[in-house]
C-alpha cells in the first residue's frame, strides 16, 4: 500500500511507518527543497536534523526553509518558508543541498522556541566544535532587530559545550529553578597528583554533592561484549560507591521521569543540597 507523504510524492506504507520521526522529516525536507519554486536554504529544525543535533519536543510536521531573495516568508501545507538575511558563512552545502550552518541553525532555533528546547542543539554544536560563543554572539548581533529574538542572548549565555547530552541540557535548565548555586557540568574528580579519576555529569564541590543522569542510552553506550544492561547498572553503582568513599560526597541520580515532574524534583535536589536525604 502506498501513502501520500506530500503533493506528488508517495511511499510504501510499511517503509514510511518504519522510519523514525527524524528520518521522515529528512525525506520530506529533501522533497520540499527539490520542489521549491524559489532559491531556498534548509534551516531551523530541518537544518538541525541534517546536522544531527539533538532535538526535544519540537514539531517535525513542517519543513523549514529560509528564502534567499529577501522576500516575505510564507506557509503552505507541510512547509514554512522564512524570510531571512543570510550572512557570509551562514550557508553550507550538505549532500547537494543548501543548509544553514550550525551557528545560524542554533540561532534560528532560538526564534522558534524557548530556552529548554533551543539549548540542546546549541550545547551540541559548542561541544562538537562546530560553533563558538564568539560566533554565536556575532550572529546574534545581525539578528538583533528580527522578530522573536528576545530570548536569543539568554540561550547563548546559558549554553555550555561541556554538557554531553540532551538529558544534561534539560537537567541544566531545570536546575535554574533550584535557587541554589549552579553546578559544574562534567566535573572532573582528580587524585592528589591531579590525575582524572572520574567525570560526573554535574557537581557542587563546595556542597559535597554530585549528580548523575541515568538514561537508557547511557547504559547501552557502556555495554561490553557479552554483557546486558544489568551488568552496566551494577558497574555504575560500584563506580558511584568508589566516588562517594573517596570524596565523602553524596550522589543524586535522576531519570527521564524526574524531568517530567520538575517541581517535585527541584524540591528533592534542594533538600539534598541542604543536607537532606539522597532518595526521592
Protein backbone atom coordinates (compact mmCIF):
# COMPACT_ATOMS: atom_id res chain seq x y z
CA UNK A 1 0.00 0.00 0.00
CA UNK A 2 1.21 3.50 -0.84
CA UNK A 3 0.86 6.51 1.44
CA UNK A 4 0.90 10.10 0.19
CA UNK A 5 3.60 11.98 2.06
CA UNK A 6 3.21 15.26 0.17
CA UNK A 7 1.74 16.51 -3.08
CA UNK A 8 3.04 14.29 -5.87
CA UNK A 9 5.13 12.05 -3.59
CA UNK A 10 4.26 8.60 -2.28
CA UNK A 11 6.00 5.92 -0.23
CA UNK A 12 5.29 2.30 0.65
CA UNK A 13 3.29 2.33 3.89
CA UNK A 14 5.49 -0.22 5.68
CA UNK A 15 8.66 1.70 4.75
CA UNK A 16 7.18 5.01 5.87
CA UNK A 17 5.93 3.64 9.19
CA UNK A 18 9.30 2.00 9.87
CA UNK A 19 11.11 5.36 9.68
CA UNK A 20 11.83 7.44 12.76
CA UNK A 21 10.35 10.93 13.05
CA UNK A 22 13.71 12.37 12.08
CA UNK A 23 14.08 10.07 9.06
CA UNK A 24 10.61 11.01 7.84
CA UNK A 25 11.46 14.67 8.20
CA UNK A 26 14.70 14.23 6.25
CA UNK A 27 12.76 12.69 3.37
CA UNK A 28 10.14 15.43 3.43
CA UNK A 29 12.75 18.19 3.62
CA UNK A 30 14.54 16.76 0.59
CA UNK A 31 11.30 16.73 -1.38
CA UNK A 32 10.33 20.25 -0.27
CA UNK A 33 13.77 21.54 -1.25
CA UNK A 34 13.61 19.97 -4.71
CA UNK A 35 10.11 21.28 -5.39
CA UNK A 36 10.68 24.81 -4.02
CA UNK A 37 9.84 27.44 -6.60
CA UNK A 38 12.45 29.90 -5.36
CA UNK A 39 16.02 29.70 -4.10
CA UNK A 40 15.91 28.42 -0.52
CA UNK A 41 18.13 27.06 2.21
CA UNK A 42 17.03 24.33 4.61
CA UNK A 43 17.03 25.89 8.05
CA UNK A 44 15.77 25.84 11.64
CA UNK A 45 14.56 22.38 12.72
CA UNK A 46 15.20 20.91 9.27
CA UNK A 47 18.83 22.01 9.32
CA UNK A 48 19.28 20.79 12.90
CA UNK A 49 18.28 17.28 11.86
CA UNK A 50 20.70 17.35 8.92
CA UNK A 51 23.46 18.41 11.33
CA UNK A 52 22.46 15.55 13.67
CA UNK A 53 21.74 17.91 16.56
CA UNK A 54 19.57 16.64 19.44
CA UNK A 55 16.00 17.94 19.39
CA UNK A 56 13.44 17.59 22.13
CA UNK A 57 9.68 18.01 21.84
CA UNK A 58 9.79 20.13 18.69
CA UNK A 59 7.29 19.54 15.92
CA UNK A 60 8.72 17.84 12.84
CA UNK A 61 5.50 18.09 10.86
CA UNK A 62 6.72 21.07 8.85
CA UNK A 63 9.86 21.54 6.79
CA UNK A 64 11.64 24.84 7.49
CA UNK A 65 13.44 26.76 4.77
CA UNK A 66 14.83 30.28 4.51
CA UNK A 67 14.41 32.26 1.31
CA UNK A 68 17.50 33.84 -0.19
CA UNK A 69 15.67 36.51 -2.22
CA UNK A 70 14.80 38.69 0.78
CA UNK A 71 11.06 38.43 0.15
CA UNK A 72 8.48 37.71 2.82
CA UNK A 73 8.18 34.15 4.01
CA UNK A 74 5.07 32.07 3.61
CA UNK A 75 3.50 28.92 4.93
CA UNK A 76 1.89 26.14 2.94
CA UNK A 77 0.92 22.58 3.80
CA UNK A 78 3.93 20.94 5.43
CA UNK A 79 6.38 23.74 4.58
CA UNK A 80 7.38 27.01 6.25
CA UNK A 81 9.45 29.48 4.24
CA UNK A 82 11.13 32.08 6.43
CA UNK A 83 12.28 35.49 5.38
CA UNK A 84 15.85 35.89 6.48
CA UNK A 85 19.03 37.78 5.78
CA UNK A 86 21.78 35.24 5.26
CA UNK A 87 25.31 36.39 6.01
CA UNK A 88 28.50 35.06 4.53
CA UNK A 89 29.19 31.78 6.28
CA UNK A 90 25.54 31.15 7.15
CA UNK A 91 25.10 28.64 4.32
CA UNK A 92 26.85 25.38 3.52
CA UNK A 93 26.12 22.50 1.18
CA UNK A 94 25.30 19.06 2.56
CA UNK A 95 24.54 16.19 0.17
CA UNK A 96 23.96 18.65 -2.65
CA UNK A 97 21.50 20.85 -0.77
CA UNK A 98 21.99 24.29 0.78
CA UNK A 99 21.68 24.18 4.56
CA UNK A 100 22.20 26.81 7.23
CA UNK A 101 25.46 26.44 9.13
CA UNK A 102 25.50 25.08 12.70
CA UNK A 103 25.91 28.62 14.05
CA UNK A 104 22.98 30.00 12.09
CA UNK A 105 20.88 26.90 12.81
CA UNK A 106 21.40 27.24 16.56
CA UNK A 107 20.43 30.91 16.41
CA UNK A 108 17.38 30.23 14.26
CA UNK A 109 16.10 27.69 16.78
CA UNK A 110 16.04 30.39 19.47
CA UNK A 111 13.46 32.25 17.38
CA UNK A 112 11.14 29.25 17.29
CA UNK A 113 11.10 28.08 20.88
CA UNK A 114 12.20 28.60 24.48
CA UNK A 115 15.43 28.01 26.38
CA UNK A 116 14.81 24.36 27.28
CA UNK A 117 14.02 23.40 23.69
CA UNK A 118 16.68 25.50 21.94
CA UNK A 119 19.54 24.74 24.32
CA UNK A 120 20.30 21.08 23.44
CA UNK A 121 21.25 21.88 19.84
CA UNK A 122 23.39 24.86 20.85
CA UNK A 123 25.17 22.84 23.54
CA UNK A 124 25.77 20.10 20.95
CA UNK A 125 27.30 22.46 18.40
CA UNK A 126 29.54 24.02 21.04
CA UNK A 127 30.66 20.62 22.34
CA UNK A 128 31.50 19.33 18.86
CA UNK A 129 33.38 22.50 17.97
CA UNK A 130 31.03 23.41 15.15
CA UNK A 131 30.39 26.85 16.61
CA UNK A 132 31.69 29.06 19.41
CA UNK A 133 30.28 31.63 21.80
CA UNK A 134 32.01 34.35 19.78
CA UNK A 135 30.42 33.16 16.52
CA UNK A 136 27.01 32.88 18.15
CA UNK A 137 27.22 36.38 19.61
CA UNK A 138 28.37 37.83 16.29
CA UNK A 139 25.45 36.17 14.54
CA UNK A 140 23.01 37.36 17.20
CA UNK A 141 24.08 40.96 16.59
CA UNK A 142 22.95 40.68 12.98
CA UNK A 143 19.59 39.35 14.17
CA UNK A 144 19.04 41.94 16.89
CA UNK A 145 16.08 43.63 15.19
CA UNK A 146 14.43 40.45 13.95
CA UNK A 147 11.18 39.18 15.39
CA UNK A 148 11.24 36.56 18.15
CA UNK A 149 14.88 37.09 19.13
CA UNK A 150 14.32 38.36 22.69
CA UNK A 151 15.43 35.02 24.13
CA UNK A 152 18.44 34.51 21.87
CA UNK A 153 21.01 36.11 24.19
CA UNK A 154 19.66 34.09 27.13
CA UNK A 155 20.25 30.82 25.31
CA UNK A 156 23.75 31.88 24.18
CA UNK A 157 24.75 32.98 27.69
CA UNK A 158 23.48 29.76 29.26
CA UNK A 159 24.82 27.37 26.60
CA UNK A 160 27.81 25.26 27.64
CA UNK A 161 29.72 22.84 25.46
CA UNK A 162 30.70 20.75 28.49
CA UNK A 163 27.22 19.23 28.56
CA UNK A 164 27.27 16.00 26.62
CA UNK A 165 23.66 15.02 26.04
CA UNK A 166 20.08 16.14 25.62
CA UNK A 167 19.41 14.92 29.16
CA UNK A 168 22.20 17.08 30.59
CA UNK A 169 20.97 20.16 28.74
CA UNK A 170 17.42 19.68 30.01
CA UNK A 171 18.67 18.97 33.53
CA UNK A 172 20.70 22.19 33.49
CA UNK A 173 17.60 24.21 32.62
CA UNK A 174 15.62 22.56 35.39
CA UNK A 175 18.39 23.31 37.90
CA UNK A 176 17.91 27.00 37.19
CA UNK A 177 14.78 26.71 39.31
CA UNK A 178 16.55 25.49 42.45
CA UNK A 179 17.68 28.92 43.60
CA UNK A 180 20.96 27.21 44.54
CA UNK A 181 24.44 27.78 43.09
CA UNK A 182 24.81 26.48 39.54
CA UNK A 183 26.64 23.13 39.37
CA UNK A 184 29.77 22.48 37.33
CA UNK A 185 28.92 20.34 34.27
CA UNK A 186 31.05 17.27 33.52
CA UNK A 187 33.12 17.82 36.62
CA UNK A 188 36.48 16.02 36.82
CA UNK A 189 37.34 14.31 40.10
CA UNK A 190 41.12 14.08 40.47
CA UNK A 191 43.59 12.37 42.76
CA UNK A 192 46.28 14.20 44.75
CA UNK A 193 48.59 14.23 41.72
CA UNK A 194 45.94 15.88 39.56
CA UNK A 195 45.08 12.77 37.54
CA UNK A 196 41.45 12.47 36.49
CA UNK A 197 39.79 9.51 38.19
CA UNK A 198 36.18 10.06 37.19
CA UNK A 199 33.89 12.54 35.49
CA UNK A 200 30.38 13.19 36.79
CA UNK A 201 27.52 14.88 34.94
CA UNK A 202 27.21 17.75 37.44
CA UNK A 203 28.84 18.63 40.75
CA UNK A 204 28.57 21.13 43.59
CA UNK A 205 32.09 20.66 45.05
CA UNK A 206 31.54 23.27 47.74
CA UNK A 207 28.41 21.41 48.90
CA UNK A 208 29.82 17.90 48.51
CA UNK A 209 27.16 16.70 46.07
CA UNK A 210 27.31 15.31 42.54
CA UNK A 211 24.51 14.47 40.13
CA UNK A 212 24.32 11.70 37.53
CA UNK A 213 21.62 11.30 34.92
CA UNK A 214 20.57 7.72 34.24
CA UNK A 215 19.13 7.07 30.80
CA UNK A 216 18.73 4.07 28.53
CA UNK A 217 21.23 5.45 26.01
CA UNK A 218 23.85 5.90 28.73
CA UNK A 219 23.66 2.28 29.82
CA UNK A 220 23.61 0.93 26.28
CA UNK A 221 26.66 3.08 25.44
CA UNK A 222 28.79 1.32 28.08
CA UNK A 223 27.74 -2.24 27.30
CA UNK A 224 30.71 -4.55 26.84
CA UNK A 225 30.70 -7.71 24.77
CA UNK A 226 28.62 -10.41 26.45
CA UNK A 227 27.03 -8.01 28.95
CA UNK A 228 23.44 -6.94 29.47
CA UNK A 229 22.13 -3.71 30.98
CA UNK A 230 22.14 -5.20 34.48
CA UNK A 231 25.92 -5.58 34.32
CA UNK A 232 26.29 -1.90 33.40
CA UNK A 233 23.94 -0.81 36.19
CA UNK A 234 25.93 -2.79 38.76
CA UNK A 235 29.22 -1.39 37.45
CA UNK A 236 27.80 2.14 37.62
CA UNK A 237 26.66 1.51 41.19
CA UNK A 238 30.18 0.37 42.17
CA UNK A 239 31.59 3.48 40.47
CA UNK A 240 29.25 5.69 42.50
CA UNK A 241 30.29 3.96 45.74
CA UNK A 242 34.00 4.49 44.95
CA UNK A 243 33.43 8.19 44.23
CA UNK A 244 31.49 8.64 47.46
CA UNK A 245 34.12 6.82 49.54
CA UNK A 246 36.98 8.82 48.06
CA UNK A 247 35.35 12.28 48.18
CA UNK A 248 32.83 11.96 51.01
CA UNK A 249 30.26 13.44 48.62
CA UNK A 250 26.67 12.33 48.14
CA UNK A 251 25.07 11.39 44.84
CA UNK A 252 21.79 12.49 43.27
CA UNK A 253 20.51 10.26 40.47
CA UNK A 254 17.87 11.45 38.02
CA UNK A 255 15.97 9.74 35.20
CA UNK A 256 13.79 10.98 32.34
CA UNK A 257 10.74 10.58 34.58
CA UNK A 258 12.21 13.09 37.04
CA UNK A 259 12.43 15.72 34.29
CA UNK A 260 8.70 15.32 33.69
CA UNK A 261 7.92 16.32 37.28
CA UNK A 262 10.25 19.30 37.72
CA UNK A 263 8.61 20.84 40.80
CA UNK A 264 8.97 17.66 42.86
CA UNK A 265 12.47 17.00 41.52
CA UNK A 266 13.64 20.54 42.33
CA UNK A 267 12.34 20.19 45.90
CA UNK A 268 14.27 16.93 46.21
CA UNK A 269 17.51 18.43 44.83
CA UNK A 270 17.27 21.44 47.15
CA UNK A 271 16.75 19.07 50.09
CA UNK A 272 19.87 17.08 49.21
CA UNK A 273 21.96 20.22 48.67
CA UNK A 274 20.85 21.40 52.10
CA UNK A 275 21.84 18.12 53.73
CA UNK A 276 18.62 16.13 53.39
CA UNK A 277 18.18 12.51 52.24
CA UNK A 278 19.51 11.41 48.84
CA UNK A 279 16.43 9.44 47.84
CA UNK A 280 13.12 10.58 46.36
